[in-house]
Protein backbone atom coordinates (compact mmCIF):
# COMPACT_ATOMS: atom_id res chain seq x y z
CA UNK A 1 32.91 -26.04 15.10
CA UNK A 2 29.09 -25.97 14.97
CA UNK A 3 29.09 -22.56 16.61
CA UNK A 4 31.40 -21.17 13.89
CA UNK A 5 29.26 -22.68 11.13
CA UNK A 6 26.10 -21.14 12.61
CA UNK A 7 27.84 -17.80 12.99
CA UNK A 8 29.00 -17.91 9.35
CA UNK A 9 25.51 -18.88 8.21
CA UNK A 10 23.93 -16.04 10.19
CA UNK A 11 26.39 -13.53 8.72
CA UNK A 12 25.54 -14.65 5.19
CA UNK A 13 21.81 -14.46 5.96
CA UNK A 14 22.21 -10.97 7.42
CA UNK A 15 24.14 -9.83 4.35
CA UNK A 16 21.44 -11.18 2.00
CA UNK A 17 18.65 -9.66 4.08
CA UNK A 18 20.41 -6.29 4.24
CA UNK A 19 20.87 -6.33 0.47
CA UNK A 20 17.22 -7.28 -0.07
CA UNK A 21 15.92 -4.60 2.31
CA UNK A 22 18.19 -1.81 1.02
CA UNK A 23 16.35 1.37 0.16
CA UNK A 24 15.61 1.37 -3.54
CA UNK A 25 13.00 3.04 -5.69
CA UNK A 26 11.03 -0.18 -6.10
CA UNK A 27 11.07 -0.90 -2.37
CA UNK A 28 9.74 2.59 -1.68
CA UNK A 29 7.01 2.06 -4.28
CA UNK A 30 5.83 -1.25 -2.81
CA UNK A 31 6.01 0.07 0.73
CA UNK A 32 3.88 3.08 -0.23
CA UNK A 33 1.30 0.88 -1.98
CA UNK A 34 1.26 -1.50 0.97
CA UNK A 35 0.86 1.29 3.49
CA UNK A 36 -1.92 3.01 1.56
CA UNK A 37 -3.92 0.19 -0.01
CA UNK A 38 -3.29 -3.01 1.94
CA UNK A 39 -6.40 -3.46 4.06
CA UNK A 40 -4.45 -5.19 6.84
CA UNK A 41 -2.16 -2.21 7.33
CA UNK A 42 -4.10 0.84 6.17
CA UNK A 43 -7.30 -0.33 7.86
CA UNK A 44 -5.63 -0.44 11.27
CA UNK A 45 -4.69 3.24 11.20
CA UNK A 46 -7.60 5.28 12.44
CA UNK A 47 -6.04 8.57 11.41
CA UNK A 48 -3.90 9.42 8.45
CA UNK A 49 -0.73 11.45 8.80
CA UNK A 50 -0.67 14.05 6.02
CA UNK A 51 3.15 14.18 5.95
CA UNK A 52 3.33 10.39 5.53
CA UNK A 53 0.64 10.62 2.86
CA UNK A 54 2.67 13.26 0.98
CA UNK A 55 5.77 11.09 1.18
CA UNK A 56 3.89 8.03 -0.07
CA UNK A 57 2.43 10.04 -2.95
CA UNK A 58 5.95 10.99 -4.06
CA UNK A 59 6.89 7.29 -4.10
CA UNK A 60 3.96 6.47 -6.38
CA UNK A 61 4.95 7.95 -9.75
CA UNK A 62 1.56 7.38 -11.35
CA UNK A 63 -0.07 9.65 -8.74
CA UNK A 64 2.66 12.24 -8.51
CA UNK A 65 2.13 14.38 -11.59
CA UNK A 66 -1.50 13.58 -12.41
CA UNK A 67 -3.25 14.08 -9.07
CA UNK A 68 -2.75 17.32 -7.17
CA UNK A 69 -1.79 16.92 -3.52
CA UNK A 70 -5.00 18.39 -2.11
CA UNK A 71 -7.12 16.10 -4.31
CA UNK A 72 -4.94 13.13 -3.33
CA UNK A 73 -5.35 13.89 0.39
CA UNK A 74 -9.10 14.43 0.01
CA UNK A 75 -9.61 11.27 -2.04
CA UNK A 76 -7.39 9.10 0.10
CA UNK A 77 -9.03 10.45 3.26
CA UNK A 78 -12.41 9.35 1.96
CA UNK A 79 -11.05 5.96 0.81
CA UNK A 80 -9.36 5.46 4.17
CA UNK A 81 -12.54 6.30 6.12
CA UNK A 82 -14.46 3.71 4.08
CA UNK A 83 -11.71 1.14 4.66
CA UNK A 84 -11.65 1.77 8.42
CA UNK A 85 -15.46 1.53 8.57
CA UNK A 86 -15.32 -1.84 6.82
CA UNK A 87 -12.61 -3.08 9.19
CA UNK A 88 -14.61 -1.91 12.24
CA UNK A 89 -17.71 -3.69 10.97
CA UNK A 90 -15.67 -6.86 10.82
CA UNK A 91 -16.05 -7.40 7.10
CA UNK A 92 -13.92 -10.41 6.24
CA UNK A 93 -13.71 -9.83 2.50
CA UNK A 94 -12.81 -6.19 2.15
CA UNK A 95 -12.15 -5.57 -1.52
CA UNK A 96 -10.07 -2.45 -2.11
CA UNK A 97 -11.10 -2.38 -5.77
CA UNK A 98 -14.76 -2.12 -4.75
CA UNK A 99 -13.89 0.59 -2.23
CA UNK A 100 -12.05 2.52 -4.92
CA UNK A 101 -15.06 2.19 -7.22
CA UNK A 102 -17.21 3.69 -4.46
CA UNK A 103 -14.68 6.47 -3.93
CA UNK A 104 -14.75 7.22 -7.67
CA UNK A 105 -18.16 8.86 -7.32
CA UNK A 106 -16.90 11.35 -4.75
CA UNK A 107 -13.19 11.69 -5.59
CA UNK A 108 -12.69 10.66 -9.21
CA UNK A 109 -9.11 12.03 -9.49
CA UNK A 110 -7.66 9.57 -6.99
CA UNK A 111 -9.89 6.61 -7.83
CA UNK A 112 -9.36 6.72 -11.59
CA UNK A 113 -5.57 6.71 -11.32
CA UNK A 114 -5.60 4.09 -8.55
CA UNK A 115 -7.93 1.77 -10.45
CA UNK A 116 -5.94 2.15 -13.65
CA UNK A 117 -2.60 1.40 -12.02
CA UNK A 118 -3.32 -0.31 -8.74
CA UNK A 119 -2.08 -3.86 -8.24
CA UNK A 120 -2.86 -5.54 -4.92
CA UNK A 121 0.22 -6.32 -2.87
CA UNK A 122 -0.80 -9.62 -1.30
CA UNK A 123 -0.83 -12.85 -3.26
CA UNK A 124 -4.50 -13.61 -2.68
CA UNK A 125 -5.55 -10.12 -3.76
CA UNK A 126 -3.29 -10.32 -6.80
CA UNK A 127 -4.76 -13.66 -7.85
CA UNK A 128 -8.30 -12.29 -7.49
CA UNK A 129 -7.34 -9.13 -9.38
CA UNK A 130 -5.77 -10.99 -12.31
CA UNK A 131 -8.57 -13.57 -12.48
CA UNK A 132 -11.09 -10.76 -12.94
């Protein structure tokens, strides 16, 4: 009896999880933002894959028409190098907004759009962002 109840419960959980994780436009958007701008994920990748970067750009509608691909790759490459440097140095409070402000001097196309539209994907970052 207990085994059947657990099995039924697991099937319901799997169905809900599958529905939640289904590929949708919003999921692709948040995954792209997370992969590109979340310091915990993006900062661990020492090299960027241009094909993945192109795919992520397509999932971010505010970058897609405004920023040309070569400018996006150049700007993100510079942002990413600054992020990786900060992670290597062991900086505990890496602020992506500050990194984007620094990138703005060298690659204004990417930084301006990112700063205008970027919303941090973790709760702590979001709270800091909105409190500013």
